Amino acid sequence: MPREARMPSPDHTLTSLDELEALYGSPDPRSRAKETDQLTAPYRAFVEAAPFAVLATRGPDGLDCSPRGDAPGFVRVADPHTLLLPDRRGNNRIDSLRNILADPAVSLLFLIPGIGETLRVNGTARISTDPDLLDGFSVQGRVPRTILVIRIASVFFQCSRAVVRADLWNSDARARRDGVPTAGAMLAAASGDRHGGPAYDDGLADRVRATLY
């Protein structure tokens, strides 16, 4: 059962860098040493083994965080400074792409099931429709509409504490559907019952599988 939340007092809000650094102290020197401006061999191997990443962007309407996933290695390494990320089929909101047109800054967080460490990449992206590039990412005879060409500015791994605290890869601890709202329930609540509900949930898993690419 989640603990009851309360609103924090504004009297305890940090407002300066000095206050923040006084509270946390100096960073572990190793946290800086692990950061590079390109993919090392181990960092490349991590990217190539990852089936899931979270893409963060920012634009005129604020920030966005978008899940991306496919078979391991779906984000390809063009060279030690460049990643290629296909934009697979979705709902056509294209929030991430809109943001990149306004501000090319991006961040990626790579996760591998069963592995505690994650990999963080910061850089800039451009949107490519190069036909030869798109063809190289064909799956089941379908090509993505665009490819993000990401220029790496920094890359480093994150230790496993967050994953361990979350018990993220423990199959016995994973949430069951009971108590977790369905996609249809969330859509109905957000849209004032104009969309969603049980009719949306009916056959959703099959619809997702049929429209992956």
C-alpha atoms as a PDB file:
ATOM      1  CA  MET A   1       0.000   0.000   0.000  1.00  0.00           C
ATOM      2  CA  PRO A   2       1.540   3.362  -1.023  1.00  0.00           C
ATOM      3  CA  ARG A   3       2.171   5.837   1.751  1.00  0.00           C
ATOM      4  CA  GLU A   4      -0.165   8.796   1.947  1.00  0.00           C
ATOM      5  CA  ALA A   5       1.428  11.818   0.280  1.00  0.00           C
ATOM      6  CA  ARG A   6       1.333  15.369   1.577  1.00  0.00           C
ATOM      7  CA  MET A   7       2.288  18.641  -0.021  1.00  0.00           C
ATOM      8  CA  PRO A   8       5.852  19.732   0.883  1.00  0.00           C
ATOM      9  CA  SER A   9       6.380  22.938   2.782  1.00  0.00           C
ATOM     10  CA  PRO A  10       7.789  25.806   0.677  1.00  0.00           C
ATOM     11  CA  ASP A  11       9.975  26.698   3.667  1.00  0.00           C
ATOM     12  CA  HIS A  12      12.099  23.629   2.902  1.00  0.00           C
ATOM     13  CA  THR A  13      12.646  24.341  -0.788  1.00  0.00           C
ATOM     14  CA  LEU A  14      16.253  24.666  -1.966  1.00  0.00           C
ATOM     15  CA  THR A  15      16.790  27.758  -4.089  1.00  0.00           C
ATOM     16  CA  SER A  16      20.544  27.975  -4.693  1.00  0.00           C
ATOM     17  CA  LEU A  17      23.409  25.853  -5.961  1.00  0.00           C
ATOM     18  CA  ASP A  18      25.323  26.520  -2.736  1.00  0.00           C
ATOM     19  CA  GLU A  19      22.487  25.020  -0.680  1.00  0.00           C
ATOM     20  CA  LEU A  20      22.308  22.007  -2.955  1.00  0.00           C
ATOM     21  CA  GLU A  21      26.043  21.311  -2.887  1.00  0.00           C
ATOM     22  CA  ALA A  22      26.201  21.824   0.873  1.00  0.00           C
ATOM     23  CA  LEU A  23      23.545  19.148   1.295  1.00  0.00           C
ATOM     24  CA  TYR A  24      24.998  16.566  -1.101  1.00  0.00           C
ATOM     25  CA  GLY A  25      28.718  17.242  -0.872  1.00  0.00           C
ATOM     26  CA  SER A  26      31.280  16.414  -3.547  1.00  0.00           C
ATOM     27  CA  PRO A  27      30.557  13.755  -6.161  1.00  0.00           C
ATOM     28  CA  ASP A  28      32.435  10.469  -6.183  1.00  0.00           C
ATOM     29  CA  PRO A  29      35.416  11.026  -8.551  1.00  0.00           C
ATOM     30  CA  ARG A  30      34.477   7.814 -10.364  1.00  0.00           C
ATOM     31  CA  SER A  31      31.140   9.360 -11.356  1.00  0.00           C
ATOM     32  CA  ARG A  32      33.088  11.834 -13.498  1.00  0.00           C
ATOM     33  CA  ALA A  33      35.707   9.361 -14.717  1.00  0.00           C
ATOM     34  CA  LYS A  34      33.078   7.127 -16.328  1.00  0.00           C
ATOM     35  CA  GLU A  35      31.845   9.918 -18.620  1.00  0.00           C
ATOM     36  CA  THR A  36      33.222  10.050 -22.170  1.00  0.00           C
ATOM     37  CA  ASP A  37      32.422  12.017 -25.313  1.00  0.00           C
ATOM     38  CA  GLN A  38      32.141   8.885 -27.461  1.00  0.00           C
ATOM     39  CA  LEU A  39      31.289   5.212 -27.256  1.00  0.00           C
ATOM     40  CA  THR A  40      34.005   3.076 -25.737  1.00  0.00           C
ATOM     41  CA  ALA A  41      33.969  -0.618 -26.668  1.00  0.00           C
ATOM     42  CA  PRO A  42      31.973  -1.560 -23.529  1.00  0.00           C
ATOM     43  CA  TYR A  43      29.516   1.299 -24.052  1.00  0.00           C
ATOM     44  CA  ARG A  44      29.000   0.207 -27.663  1.00  0.00           C
ATOM     45  CA  ALA A  45      28.359  -3.361 -26.527  1.00  0.00           C
ATOM     46  CA  PHE A  46      25.734  -2.093 -24.068  1.00  0.00           C
ATOM     47  CA  VAL A  47      23.878  -0.160 -26.801  1.00  0.00           C
ATOM     48  CA  GLU A  48      23.965  -3.166 -29.112  1.00  0.00           C
ATOM     49  CA  ALA A  49      22.519  -5.435 -26.395  1.00  0.00           C
ATOM     50  CA  ALA A  50      19.708  -3.075 -25.348  1.00  0.00           C
ATOM     51  CA  PRO A  51      16.128  -3.749 -26.542  1.00  0.00           C
ATOM     52  CA  PHE A  52      14.683  -0.666 -24.842  1.00  0.00           C
ATOM     53  CA  ALA A  53      15.508   3.015 -24.438  1.00  0.00           C
ATOM     54  CA  VAL A  54      13.772   6.161 -23.244  1.00  0.00           C
ATOM     55  CA  LEU A  55      14.183   9.249 -25.443  1.00  0.00           C
ATOM     56  CA  ALA A  56      14.004  12.679 -23.793  1.00  0.00           C
ATOM     57  CA  THR A  57      13.499  15.863 -25.808  1.00  0.00           C
ATOM     58  CA  ARG A  58      12.500  19.462 -25.189  1.00  0.00           C
ATOM     59  CA  GLY A  59      10.580  21.959 -27.274  1.00  0.00           C
ATOM     60  CA  PRO A  60       8.397  25.075 -27.169  1.00  0.00           C
ATOM     61  CA  ASP A  61       5.674  23.258 -25.210  1.00  0.00           C
ATOM     62  CA  GLY A  62       8.067  21.773 -22.657  1.00  0.00           C
ATOM     63  CA  LEU A  63       9.727  18.405 -22.104  1.00  0.00           C
ATOM     64  CA  ASP A  64       8.853  14.975 -23.426  1.00  0.00           C
ATOM     65  CA  CYS A  65       9.955  11.456 -22.562  1.00  0.00           C
ATOM     66  CA  SER A  66       9.166   8.664 -25.029  1.00  0.00           C
ATOM     67  CA  PRO A  67       9.732   4.870 -24.784  1.00  0.00           C
ATOM     68  CA  ARG A  68      11.496   3.215 -27.726  1.00  0.00           C
ATOM     69  CA  GLY A  69      12.018  -0.512 -28.135  1.00  0.00           C
ATOM     70  CA  ASP A  70      12.672  -3.349 -30.553  1.00  0.00           C
ATOM     71  CA  ALA A  71      15.010  -6.299 -30.885  1.00  0.00           C
ATOM     72  CA  PRO A  72      18.400  -5.831 -29.164  1.00  0.00           C
ATOM     73  CA  GLY A  73      20.551  -3.480 -31.184  1.00  0.00           C
ATOM     74  CA  PHE A  74      17.597  -1.589 -32.644  1.00  0.00           C
ATOM     75  CA  VAL A  75      19.611   1.574 -31.973  1.00  0.00           C
ATOM     76  CA  ARG A  76      22.597   1.170 -34.280  1.00  0.00           C
ATOM     77  CA  VAL A  77      26.094   2.517 -33.914  1.00  0.00           C
ATOM     78  CA  ALA A  78      27.208   4.344 -37.054  1.00  0.00           C
ATOM     79  CA  ASP A  79      30.538   5.303 -35.498  1.00  0.00           C
ATOM     80  CA  PRO A  80      31.811   6.029 -31.955  1.00  0.00           C
ATOM     81  CA  HIS A  81      30.193   9.466 -32.078  1.00  0.00           C
ATOM     82  CA  THR A  82      26.912   8.645 -33.842  1.00  0.00           C
ATOM     83  CA  LEU A  83      23.783   6.595 -33.117  1.00  0.00           C
ATOM     84  CA  LEU A  84      20.909   5.804 -35.479  1.00  0.00           C
ATOM     85  CA  LEU A  85      17.418   5.435 -33.996  1.00  0.00           C
ATOM     86  CA  PRO A  86      14.499   4.406 -36.265  1.00  0.00           C
ATOM     87  CA  ASP A  87      11.111   5.970 -35.600  1.00  0.00           C
ATOM     88  CA  ARG A  88       8.776   2.984 -35.713  1.00  0.00           C
ATOM     89  CA  ARG A  89       5.018   2.994 -36.106  1.00  0.00           C
ATOM     90  CA  GLY A  90       3.086   4.820 -33.378  1.00  0.00           C
ATOM     91  CA  ASN A  91       0.137   7.127 -32.832  1.00  0.00           C
ATOM     92  CA  ASN A  92       1.499   9.952 -35.024  1.00  0.00           C
ATOM     93  CA  ARG A  93       1.633  12.510 -32.201  1.00  0.00           C
ATOM     94  CA  ILE A  94       5.356  12.786 -33.099  1.00  0.00           C
ATOM     95  CA  ASP A  95       6.019  14.838 -29.953  1.00  0.00           C
ATOM     96  CA  SER A  96       9.711  13.914 -29.944  1.00  0.00           C
ATOM     97  CA  LEU A  97      10.186  14.822 -33.593  1.00  0.00           C
ATOM     98  CA  ARG A  98       8.386  18.139 -33.202  1.00  0.00           C
ATOM     99  CA  ASN A  99      10.658  18.975 -30.290  1.00  0.00           C
ATOM    100  CA  ILE A 100      13.814  18.048 -32.193  1.00  0.00           C
ATOM    101  CA  LEU A 101      12.860  20.406 -35.024  1.00  0.00           C
ATOM    102  CA  ALA A 102      12.760  23.215 -32.457  1.00  0.00           C
ATOM    103  CA  ASP A 103      15.643  22.064 -30.241  1.00  0.00           C
ATOM    104  CA  PRO A 104      18.022  19.257 -31.284  1.00  0.00           C
ATOM    105  CA  ALA A 105      19.114  18.409 -27.720  1.00  0.00           C
ATOM    106  CA  VAL A 106      18.239  14.812 -26.779  1.00  0.00           C
ATOM    107  CA  SER A 107      18.989  12.265 -24.062  1.00  0.00           C
ATOM    108  CA  LEU A 108      18.702   8.486 -24.153  1.00  0.00           C
ATOM    109  CA  LEU A 109      18.481   6.016 -21.283  1.00  0.00           C
ATOM    110  CA  PHE A 110      19.187   2.405 -22.315  1.00  0.00           C
ATOM    111  CA  LEU A 111      17.904  -0.560 -20.302  1.00  0.00           C
ATOM    112  CA  ILE A 112      18.573  -4.287 -20.652  1.00  0.00           C
ATOM    113  CA  PRO A 113      16.247  -6.730 -18.853  1.00  0.00           C
ATOM    114  CA  GLY A 114      18.063  -8.467 -16.019  1.00  0.00           C
ATOM    115  CA  ILE A 115      20.920  -5.931 -15.943  1.00  0.00           C
ATOM    116  CA  GLY A 116      21.099  -3.420 -13.107  1.00  0.00           C
ATOM    117  CA  GLU A 117      23.242  -0.816 -14.829  1.00  0.00           C
ATOM    118  CA  THR A 118      21.744   1.568 -17.377  1.00  0.00           C
ATOM    119  CA  LEU A 119      23.469   3.707 -20.014  1.00  0.00           C
ATOM    120  CA  ARG A 120      22.888   7.426 -20.487  1.00  0.00           C
ATOM    121  CA  VAL A 121      23.624   9.271 -23.726  1.00  0.00           C
ATOM    122  CA  ASN A 122      23.323  13.033 -24.229  1.00  0.00           C
ATOM    123  CA  GLY A 123      23.686  14.741 -27.576  1.00  0.00           C
ATOM    124  CA  THR A 124      21.907  16.354 -30.488  1.00  0.00           C
ATOM    125  CA  ALA A 125      19.679  14.810 -33.129  1.00  0.00           C
ATOM    126  CA  ARG A 126      18.591  15.486 -36.683  1.00  0.00           C
ATOM    127  CA  ILE A 127      15.728  13.802 -38.555  1.00  0.00           C
ATOM    128  CA  SER A 128      16.717  11.933 -41.721  1.00  0.00           C
ATOM    129  CA  THR A 129      14.600  10.535 -44.573  1.00  0.00           C
ATOM    130  CA  ASP A 130      17.601   9.159 -46.491  1.00  0.00           C
ATOM    131  CA  PRO A 131      16.069   6.291 -48.545  1.00  0.00           C
ATOM    132  CA  ASP A 132      19.150   4.087 -48.311  1.00  0.00           C
ATOM    133  CA  LEU A 133      19.283   4.582 -44.561  1.00  0.00           C
ATOM    134  CA  LEU A 134      15.579   3.801 -44.165  1.00  0.00           C
ATOM    135  CA  ASP A 135      15.868   0.640 -46.255  1.00  0.00           C
ATOM    136  CA  GLY A 136      18.593  -0.625 -43.944  1.00  0.00           C
ATOM    137  CA  PHE A 137      16.113  -0.553 -41.051  1.00  0.00           C
ATOM    138  CA  SER A 138      13.370  -2.520 -42.800  1.00  0.00           C
ATOM    139  CA  VAL A 139      11.496  -5.024 -40.593  1.00  0.00           C
ATOM    140  CA  GLN A 140       8.783  -7.326 -41.942  1.00  0.00           C
ATOM    141  CA  GLY A 141       8.992  -5.446 -45.214  1.00  0.00           C
ATOM    142  CA  ARG A 142       8.242  -2.087 -43.601  1.00  0.00           C
ATOM    143  CA  VAL A 143      10.662   0.796 -43.285  1.00  0.00           C
ATOM    144  CA  PRO A 144      10.476   3.556 -40.673  1.00  0.00           C
ATOM    145  CA  ARG A 145       9.369   6.956 -41.885  1.00  0.00           C
ATOM    146  CA  THR A 146      12.398   8.663 -40.366  1.00  0.00           C
ATOM    147  CA  ILE A 147      15.699   7.945 -38.643  1.00  0.00           C
ATOM    148  CA  LEU A 148      17.135  10.018 -35.824  1.00  0.00           C
ATOM    149  CA  VAL A 149      20.833  10.639 -36.384  1.00  0.00           C
ATOM    150  CA  ILE A 150      22.169  11.333 -32.902  1.00  0.00           C
ATOM    151  CA  ARG A 151      25.539  13.003 -32.386  1.00  0.00           C
ATOM    152  CA  ILE A 152      26.939  12.019 -29.007  1.00  0.00           C
ATOM    153  CA  ALA A 153      28.143  14.718 -26.627  1.00  0.00           C
ATOM    154  CA  SER A 154      28.493  12.548 -23.514  1.00  0.00           C
ATOM    155  CA  VAL A 155      27.876   8.958 -22.498  1.00  0.00           C
ATOM    156  CA  PHE A 156      28.165   7.206 -19.143  1.00  0.00           C
ATOM    157  CA  PHE A 157      26.694   4.282 -17.262  1.00  0.00           C
ATOM    158  CA  GLN A 158      24.420   4.628 -14.252  1.00  0.00           C
ATOM    159  CA  CYS A 159      24.940   2.306 -11.286  1.00  0.00           C
ATOM    160  CA  SER A 160      22.298  -0.281 -10.405  1.00  0.00           C
ATOM    161  CA  ARG A 161      20.888   1.298  -7.223  1.00  0.00           C
ATOM    162  CA  ALA A 162      17.628   2.529  -8.770  1.00  0.00           C
ATOM    163  CA  VAL A 163      16.955  -0.813 -10.484  1.00  0.00           C
ATOM    164  CA  VAL A 164      17.818  -2.725  -7.300  1.00  0.00           C
ATOM    165  CA  ARG A 165      15.578  -0.514  -5.159  1.00  0.00           C
ATOM    166  CA  ALA A 166      12.730  -0.980  -7.634  1.00  0.00           C
ATOM    167  CA  ASP A 167      13.351  -4.757  -7.785  1.00  0.00           C
ATOM    168  CA  LEU A 168      12.686  -4.102 -11.430  1.00  0.00           C
ATOM    169  CA  TRP A 169      13.707  -7.424 -12.947  1.00  0.00           C
ATOM    170  CA  ASN A 170      12.266  -9.646 -10.224  1.00  0.00           C
ATOM    171  CA  SER A 171       9.500 -11.560 -12.008  1.00  0.00           C
ATOM    172  CA  ASP A 172       7.889 -12.487  -8.686  1.00  0.00           C
ATOM    173  CA  ALA A 173       7.555  -8.813  -7.759  1.00  0.00           C
ATOM    174  CA  ARG A 174       6.084  -7.535 -11.011  1.00  0.00           C
ATOM    175  CA  ALA A 175       2.714  -5.835 -10.761  1.00  0.00           C
ATOM    176  CA  ARG A 176      -0.281  -7.852 -11.797  1.00  0.00           C
ATOM    177  CA  ARG A 177      -3.139  -6.283 -13.733  1.00  0.00           C
ATOM    178  CA  ASP A 178      -5.243  -6.175 -10.562  1.00  0.00           C
ATOM    179  CA  GLY A 179      -5.102  -2.631  -9.219  1.00  0.00           C
ATOM    180  CA  VAL A 180      -3.289  -1.279 -12.296  1.00  0.00           C
ATOM    181  CA  PRO A 181      -5.560   0.743 -14.623  1.00  0.00           C
ATOM    182  CA  THR A 182      -5.908  -0.520 -18.175  1.00  0.00           C
ATOM    183  CA  ALA A 183      -5.173   1.632 -21.220  1.00  0.00           C
ATOM    184  CA  GLY A 184      -8.910   1.905 -21.827  1.00  0.00           C
ATOM    185  CA  ALA A 185      -9.571   3.094 -18.278  1.00  0.00           C
ATOM    186  CA  MET A 186      -6.829   5.722 -18.463  1.00  0.00           C
ATOM    187  CA  LEU A 187      -8.061   6.962 -21.856  1.00  0.00           C
ATOM    188  CA  ALA A 188     -11.659   7.156 -20.643  1.00  0.00           C
ATOM    189  CA  ALA A 189     -10.711   9.159 -17.547  1.00  0.00           C
ATOM    190  CA  ALA A 190      -8.512  11.577 -19.511  1.00  0.00           C
ATOM    191  CA  SER A 191     -11.080  12.120 -22.294  1.00  0.00           C
ATOM    192  CA  GLY A 192     -14.175  12.439 -20.138  1.00  0.00           C
ATOM    193  CA  ASP A 193     -15.412   9.063 -21.432  1.00  0.00           C
ATOM    194  CA  ARG A 194     -15.367  10.234 -25.058  1.00  0.00           C
ATOM    195  CA  HIS A 195     -12.893   7.453 -25.861  1.00  0.00           C
ATOM    196  CA  GLY A 196     -11.553   4.320 -24.259  1.00  0.00           C
ATOM    197  CA  GLY A 197     -13.272   2.052 -21.785  1.00  0.00           C
ATOM    198  CA  PRO A 198     -13.751  -1.722 -22.124  1.00  0.00           C
ATOM    199  CA  ALA A 199     -14.354  -1.433 -25.870  1.00  0.00           C
ATOM    200  CA  TYR A 200     -10.862   0.012 -26.291  1.00  0.00           C
ATOM    201  CA  ASP A 201      -9.265  -2.709 -24.154  1.00  0.00           C
ATOM    202  CA  ASP A 202     -11.034  -5.498 -26.031  1.00  0.00           C
ATOM    203  CA  GLY A 203      -8.466  -7.019 -28.378  1.00  0.00           C
ATOM    204  CA  LEU A 204      -5.877  -4.318 -27.615  1.00  0.00           C
ATOM    205  CA  ALA A 205      -2.995  -6.787 -27.273  1.00  0.00           C
ATOM    206  CA  ASP A 206      -3.797  -8.268 -30.686  1.00  0.00           C
ATOM    207  CA  ARG A 207      -4.073  -4.801 -32.258  1.00  0.00           C
ATOM    208  CA  VAL A 208      -0.691  -3.820 -30.861  1.00  0.00           C
ATOM    209  CA  ARG A 209       0.976  -6.949 -32.203  1.00  0.00           C
ATOM    210  CA  ALA A 210      -0.618  -6.409 -35.617  1.00  0.00           C
ATOM    211  CA  THR A 211       0.639  -2.829 -35.904  1.00  0.00           C
ATOM    212  CA  LEU A 212       4.203  -3.031 -34.537  1.00  0.00           C
ATOM    213  CA  TYR A 213       5.774  -2.034 -37.857  1.00  0.00           C
END
